[in-house]
Every structure is written in structure tokens, then in C-alpha cells.
Amino acid sequence: MSAKLNNDQKRSIAFLDTMQTMLSESETDAMVMNRVFARGADPYSLVTVYEPLLASLADRFEVSPKALRDAIEMAHKVGPATLLSVQKDDTGGIPLKWSGARLNSQSHRIEAAWLFLVCFSKVPEGFDTDRGLAWRLQDFLSRGSQAHLTLVRRSQAEISQLAAHELQDIRALEFTWYSGVPMAYNDLGFYLGYKRKFPIVGVFSSNRLGEVSEDKPLYVGTNGTVDLFNDAIGFDLDKVLSSSFGMRFTPLPRPSTD
């Protein structure tokens, strides 16, 4: 016989129906639920939930809060490659070997601010089904607090160094090649692939622990249209999400090692 539910449990379970409506009607509520309790922090959820963070971030990177929030939101919804699409000089954003020197372009400073937030968005060890809601909430809020306090207490040089170090970590990501198409095992592969000016990039999806498998769905983005992927690799995508983004659910053949 199951244990008798207390009042908190009964009210929480009853609230789930209301929550389902909220999540279906509000993209922001759904993002907060997903990131705080299911998948862990990312740059957009941090500046949305931990409100003091956006103002301090905008101040340190010398951009308007609105411009910064809009860019981070777009990177969350469409992918971090959007951070590079605003570059008028078509340089692919901040140079891959950036060491933390002052950035004169506003779009570069926005990209650097996003990189700074990525430093605080790593999935923590033990973020699994055994962790309760209190632990997940505390982990999320501590990340927002740590990012905010870093911006308030550290020098500009130290803050820029953190962002530059994150870029170097991303730069070290490896790609597996399928018929000449680069495939990554981390969402940041899209960002790096477009910085390297690859016309097509694939990223194998992961679970909330960051565990990936070539048997999981493959996300594909291109600088042109999804036909680039179909023509290059010889397999169609199973679901086209936009003219330049799609998914393949059917596992691909084993990759080449070249």
C-alpha cells in the first residue's frame, strides 16, 4: 500500500494541471522549468531568472541591456551561430585566438558576454534523476549569484580573461567527419563550426547529463539551406525545422576517421 500523501504533496500534484497550461502557453515559463529543473543553466535562463545579472553584465561589457538580452535570447532559441550573423565584416565574430584584449565592436562585446555566461552554464556533476528539486534550484541560483558577484568584484581584465578562456575551451572541441560533414557532440559545436566557416555542422543530441550517442537524433544547421546536408552526405533529414536547420532521427552509418 502506498504511503499517505501529506498536504504539500496533494497541493503540488493538483497544481500540475495548472502548470501544464502555463507551460503550453508561455515559452518563458517552459524555458525556466526546463533549465532550472531539467537540463541546468544556460546563458538565457541565467539572465532571465537571476535578474541582477543582466544589468551588471551589460555594464561590464558596455552594451545596452536590451541589445544583450535580445542577442542571448536569439542564441538560445535559434542557436549560438546567431551571435556571428550580426558581424558586418564577416570575420566570424571574435577571433578564435582572442586573449581577452578590449573589443571595439559592440557585436563582439555581446559575443564575449555570452561566452562569460557559458562559463557558469556547465552541467554539474551529479545532475541526475536522484537529485531533488531543492538541490536543482540551489544549483541554478548559485550559478547566477557566482556570475553576478564575479562581474561586481573582479576587474575588467579578469572578466575578459574568463570569456577568452571559455572560447579557447570551445576551440578545442573535436569534430567527427561523415562524408566531409563535421559532426560534434556538444551544442557549442554549432558555434565553433560557424566560426570556422563550415557550411554545414551537425550536432548529436544529448540527454540532460550531457551523455551523447550516435544513436540519438542529429541536429543539422547550415549557412545555406538544408539541401546542402542532403547533397553532401546523401541522406535526407527526417524533420526540417527551418530552411537552414533540421533533424535526423535515423542513425547514420559509422563515421570515417579522416
Protein backbone atom coordinates (compact mmCIF):
# COMPACT_ATOMS: atom_id res chain seq x y z
CA MET A 1 0.00 0.00 0.00
CA SER A 2 1.37 3.43 -0.94
CA ALA A 3 2.14 5.96 1.79
CA LYS A 4 -0.48 8.56 2.55
CA LEU A 5 0.20 11.89 0.86
CA ASN A 6 0.60 14.99 3.01
CA ASN A 7 -1.00 18.35 2.15
CA ASP A 8 2.07 19.68 0.32
CA GLN A 9 2.14 16.63 -1.92
CA LYS A 10 -1.57 16.79 -2.65
CA ARG A 11 -1.47 20.51 -3.49
CA SER A 12 1.63 20.13 -5.63
CA ILE A 13 0.10 17.28 -7.61
CA ALA A 14 -3.11 19.28 -8.05
CA PHE A 15 -1.05 22.25 -9.29
CA LEU A 16 0.47 20.15 -12.07
CA ASP A 17 -2.65 20.59 -14.22
CA THR A 18 -2.34 24.36 -13.90
CA MET A 19 1.36 24.14 -14.64
CA GLN A 20 0.76 22.17 -17.84
CA THR A 21 -1.43 25.00 -19.10
CA MET A 22 1.18 27.58 -18.12
CA LEU A 23 3.95 25.71 -19.90
CA SER A 24 1.92 25.24 -23.07
CA GLU A 25 1.01 28.94 -23.19
CA SER A 26 4.31 30.55 -22.15
CA GLU A 27 7.65 29.88 -23.84
CA THR A 28 9.41 31.69 -20.99
CA ASP A 29 7.79 29.55 -18.30
CA ALA A 30 8.66 26.42 -20.25
CA MET A 31 12.27 27.56 -20.64
CA VAL A 32 12.54 28.29 -16.90
CA MET A 33 11.12 24.89 -15.94
CA ASN A 34 13.37 23.11 -18.42
CA ARG A 35 16.56 24.91 -17.45
CA VAL A 36 16.13 25.26 -13.70
CA PHE A 37 14.83 21.76 -13.00
CA ALA A 38 15.54 19.54 -16.01
CA ARG A 39 18.65 20.45 -18.01
CA GLY A 40 20.57 23.02 -15.96
CA ALA A 41 21.51 26.64 -16.57
CA ASP A 42 22.31 28.26 -19.89
CA PRO A 43 23.05 31.94 -20.68
CA TYR A 44 19.44 32.86 -21.49
CA SER A 45 17.94 31.25 -18.40
CA LEU A 46 20.56 32.89 -16.18
CA VAL A 47 19.80 36.43 -17.33
CA THR A 48 16.05 35.73 -17.26
CA VAL A 49 15.76 34.21 -13.80
CA TYR A 50 18.61 35.92 -11.96
CA GLU A 51 17.58 39.49 -12.73
CA PRO A 52 20.57 41.43 -11.26
CA LEU A 53 22.86 39.57 -13.64
CA LEU A 54 21.69 41.24 -16.85
CA ALA A 55 22.36 44.80 -15.67
CA SER A 56 25.83 44.01 -14.32
CA LEU A 57 26.69 42.03 -17.45
CA ALA A 58 25.57 44.85 -19.75
CA ASP A 59 27.52 47.39 -17.70
CA ARG A 60 30.77 45.42 -17.77
CA PHE A 61 30.60 44.61 -21.48
CA GLU A 62 29.40 48.12 -22.40
CA VAL A 63 26.22 47.23 -24.24
CA SER A 64 22.59 48.05 -23.59
CA PRO A 65 20.67 45.51 -21.50
CA LYS A 66 18.03 45.18 -24.23
CA ALA A 67 20.54 44.53 -27.02
CA LEU A 68 22.33 41.99 -24.85
CA ARG A 69 19.18 40.19 -23.75
CA ASP A 70 17.79 40.08 -27.30
CA ALA A 71 21.02 38.56 -28.64
CA ILE A 72 21.22 35.97 -25.85
CA GLU A 73 17.55 35.06 -26.32
CA MET A 74 18.06 34.58 -30.05
CA ALA A 75 21.13 32.42 -29.43
CA HIS A 76 19.04 30.25 -27.09
CA LYS A 77 16.13 29.86 -29.48
CA VAL A 78 17.94 29.53 -32.81
CA GLY A 79 21.48 28.59 -31.80
CA PRO A 80 24.70 30.41 -30.87
CA ALA A 81 25.65 30.83 -34.52
CA THR A 82 23.28 33.82 -34.49
CA LEU A 83 25.88 35.65 -32.42
CA LEU A 84 28.05 35.68 -35.53
CA SER A 85 25.41 36.68 -38.07
CA VAL A 86 25.47 40.32 -36.96
CA GLN A 87 29.12 40.77 -37.91
CA LYS A 88 29.20 43.26 -40.77
CA ASP A 89 32.80 42.49 -41.65
CA ASP A 90 32.06 38.74 -41.98
CA THR A 91 35.01 37.80 -39.77
CA GLY A 92 33.09 35.14 -37.88
CA GLY A 93 32.95 37.18 -34.71
CA ILE A 94 35.69 37.36 -32.08
CA PRO A 95 38.96 35.87 -33.38
CA LEU A 96 39.40 32.28 -32.21
CA LYS A 97 42.76 33.20 -30.65
CA TRP A 98 41.33 36.16 -28.70
CA SER A 99 43.29 36.55 -25.46
CA GLY A 100 40.97 38.93 -23.63
CA ALA A 101 42.05 42.23 -25.18
CA ARG A 102 39.50 45.05 -25.37
CA LEU A 103 36.87 44.58 -28.07
CA ASN A 104 35.80 47.66 -30.01
CA SER A 105 32.80 46.18 -31.82
CA GLN A 106 29.51 46.03 -29.89
CA SER A 107 28.61 42.72 -31.51
CA HIS A 108 31.96 41.31 -30.37
CA ARG A 109 31.30 42.51 -26.83
CA ILE A 110 27.88 40.82 -26.89
CA GLU A 111 29.55 37.60 -28.02
CA ALA A 112 32.10 37.95 -25.21
CA ALA A 113 29.31 38.48 -22.67
CA TRP A 114 27.65 35.28 -23.90
CA LEU A 115 30.95 33.42 -23.56
CA PHE A 116 31.24 34.71 -19.99
CA LEU A 117 27.81 33.26 -19.19
CA VAL A 118 28.76 29.92 -20.75
CA CYS A 119 31.45 29.68 -18.03
CA PHE A 120 28.65 29.40 -15.47
CA SER A 121 26.40 27.12 -17.52
CA LYS A 122 28.23 23.81 -17.28
CA VAL A 123 26.07 20.81 -16.28
CA PRO A 124 27.20 19.95 -12.74
CA GLU A 125 28.37 16.52 -11.74
CA GLY A 126 25.53 14.57 -10.20
CA PHE A 127 22.81 16.43 -12.08
CA ASP A 128 20.71 13.31 -12.44
CA THR A 129 17.35 11.88 -11.54
CA ASP A 130 18.41 11.27 -7.94
CA ARG A 131 18.73 15.00 -7.27
CA GLY A 132 15.69 16.69 -5.75
CA LEU A 133 14.10 19.98 -6.75
CA ALA A 134 15.69 21.89 -3.87
CA TRP A 135 19.17 20.83 -4.99
CA ARG A 136 18.45 21.79 -8.60
CA LEU A 137 17.06 25.19 -7.64
CA GLN A 138 20.00 25.89 -5.34
CA ASP A 139 22.49 24.90 -8.04
CA PHE A 140 20.85 27.21 -10.57
CA LEU A 141 20.65 30.20 -8.25
CA SER A 142 24.23 29.72 -7.06
CA ARG A 143 25.39 29.91 -10.67
CA GLY A 144 23.54 33.17 -11.20
CA SER A 145 24.94 34.53 -7.96
CA GLN A 146 28.50 33.48 -8.78
CA ALA A 147 28.30 35.10 -12.22
CA HIS A 148 26.89 38.32 -10.75
CA LEU A 149 29.47 38.52 -7.95
CA THR A 150 32.27 37.89 -10.44
CA LEU A 151 31.08 40.85 -12.50
CA VAL A 152 30.83 43.06 -9.44
CA ARG A 153 34.08 42.09 -7.71
CA ARG A 154 36.56 41.19 -10.44
CA SER A 155 38.50 43.56 -12.67
CA GLN A 156 37.56 44.02 -16.30
CA ALA A 157 40.74 42.24 -17.32
CA GLU A 158 39.83 39.20 -15.21
CA ILE A 159 36.29 39.11 -16.59
CA SER A 160 37.55 39.29 -20.18
CA GLN A 161 40.06 36.54 -19.41
CA LEU A 162 37.26 34.24 -18.24
CA ALA A 163 35.40 34.78 -21.52
CA ALA A 164 38.59 34.29 -23.54
CA HIS A 165 39.41 31.08 -21.65
CA GLU A 166 35.94 29.74 -22.43
CA LEU A 167 36.50 30.49 -26.11
CA GLN A 168 39.73 28.50 -26.01
CA ASP A 169 37.91 25.57 -24.40
CA ILE A 170 35.32 25.68 -27.18
CA ARG A 171 38.05 25.94 -29.77
CA ALA A 172 39.40 22.59 -28.52
CA LEU A 173 36.14 20.77 -29.31
CA GLU A 174 36.62 17.94 -31.78
CA PHE A 175 34.53 17.06 -34.79
CA THR A 176 33.83 13.65 -36.30
CA TRP A 177 33.53 13.72 -40.07
CA TYR A 178 30.77 11.97 -42.01
CA SER A 179 31.30 12.21 -45.77
CA GLY A 180 33.03 15.55 -45.34
CA VAL A 181 30.43 16.94 -42.92
CA PRO A 182 31.67 17.88 -39.42
CA MET A 183 29.67 16.39 -36.53
CA ALA A 184 30.07 17.47 -32.90
CA TYR A 185 28.92 16.03 -29.59
CA ASN A 186 28.22 19.35 -27.91
CA ASP A 187 25.75 22.13 -28.75
CA LEU A 188 28.68 24.53 -28.84
CA GLY A 189 29.77 22.68 -31.97
CA PHE A 190 27.38 24.86 -33.95
CA TYR A 191 29.06 27.97 -32.60
CA LEU A 192 32.57 26.68 -33.32
CA GLY A 193 31.63 25.26 -36.70
CA TYR A 194 30.28 28.55 -37.94
CA LYS A 195 33.26 30.42 -36.52
CA ARG A 196 35.40 28.09 -38.59
CA LYS A 197 33.10 28.91 -41.52
CA PHE A 198 31.95 25.34 -42.10
CA PRO A 199 28.94 25.48 -44.44
CA ILE A 200 27.30 22.55 -42.60
CA VAL A 201 27.52 21.45 -38.97
CA GLY A 202 25.85 18.51 -37.25
CA VAL A 203 25.44 18.04 -33.51
CA PHE A 204 24.36 14.78 -31.90
CA SER A 205 21.79 15.43 -29.20
CA SER A 206 22.49 14.59 -25.59
CA ASN A 207 20.45 13.93 -22.50
CA ARG A 208 20.49 16.34 -19.61
CA LEU A 209 23.68 14.77 -18.28
CA GLY A 210 25.47 15.65 -21.50
CA GLU A 211 25.71 11.97 -22.48
CA VAL A 212 25.68 11.63 -26.25
CA SER A 213 25.37 8.77 -28.68
CA GLU A 214 25.35 8.42 -32.43
CA ASP A 215 22.06 6.59 -31.95
CA LYS A 216 20.45 9.81 -30.70
CA PRO A 217 18.86 12.40 -33.00
CA LEU A 218 21.23 14.51 -35.07
CA TYR A 219 20.65 18.25 -35.36
CA VAL A 220 21.93 19.85 -38.55
CA GLY A 221 22.47 23.51 -39.31
CA THR A 222 23.79 25.10 -42.48
CA ASN A 223 24.85 28.51 -43.69
CA GLY A 224 22.67 27.94 -46.73
CA THR A 225 19.76 25.52 -46.89
CA VAL A 226 19.30 22.01 -45.54
CA ASP A 227 19.71 20.76 -49.11
CA LEU A 228 23.45 21.29 -48.55
CA PHE A 229 23.37 18.48 -46.00
CA ASN A 230 21.27 16.20 -48.16
CA ASP A 231 23.53 16.72 -51.17
CA ALA A 232 26.78 16.37 -49.20
CA ILE A 233 26.00 13.29 -47.15
CA GLY A 234 23.45 11.54 -49.34
CA PHE A 235 20.78 11.17 -46.64
CA ASP A 236 17.69 13.27 -46.18
CA LEU A 237 16.76 14.89 -42.90
CA ASP A 238 13.72 13.39 -41.20
CA LYS A 239 12.39 16.74 -39.99
CA VAL A 240 13.06 20.19 -41.44
CA LEU A 241 12.63 22.86 -38.76
CA SER A 242 13.58 25.81 -40.95
CA SER A 243 15.27 26.45 -44.27
CA SER A 244 18.68 26.09 -42.61
CA PHE A 245 18.01 23.75 -39.68
CA GLY A 246 16.70 20.22 -39.33
CA MET A 247 16.89 16.86 -37.58
CA ARG A 248 17.64 13.28 -38.49
CA PHE A 249 16.30 10.54 -36.20
CA THR A 250 17.58 7.56 -38.21
CA PRO A 251 21.16 6.68 -37.16
CA LEU A 252 23.81 7.44 -39.75
CA PRO A 253 26.38 4.83 -40.82
CA ARG A 254 29.52 4.68 -38.72
CA PRO A 255 31.72 7.74 -39.31
CA SER A 256 35.00 7.82 -41.13
CA THR A 257 38.09 8.68 -39.10
CA ASP A 258 39.72 11.09 -41.55
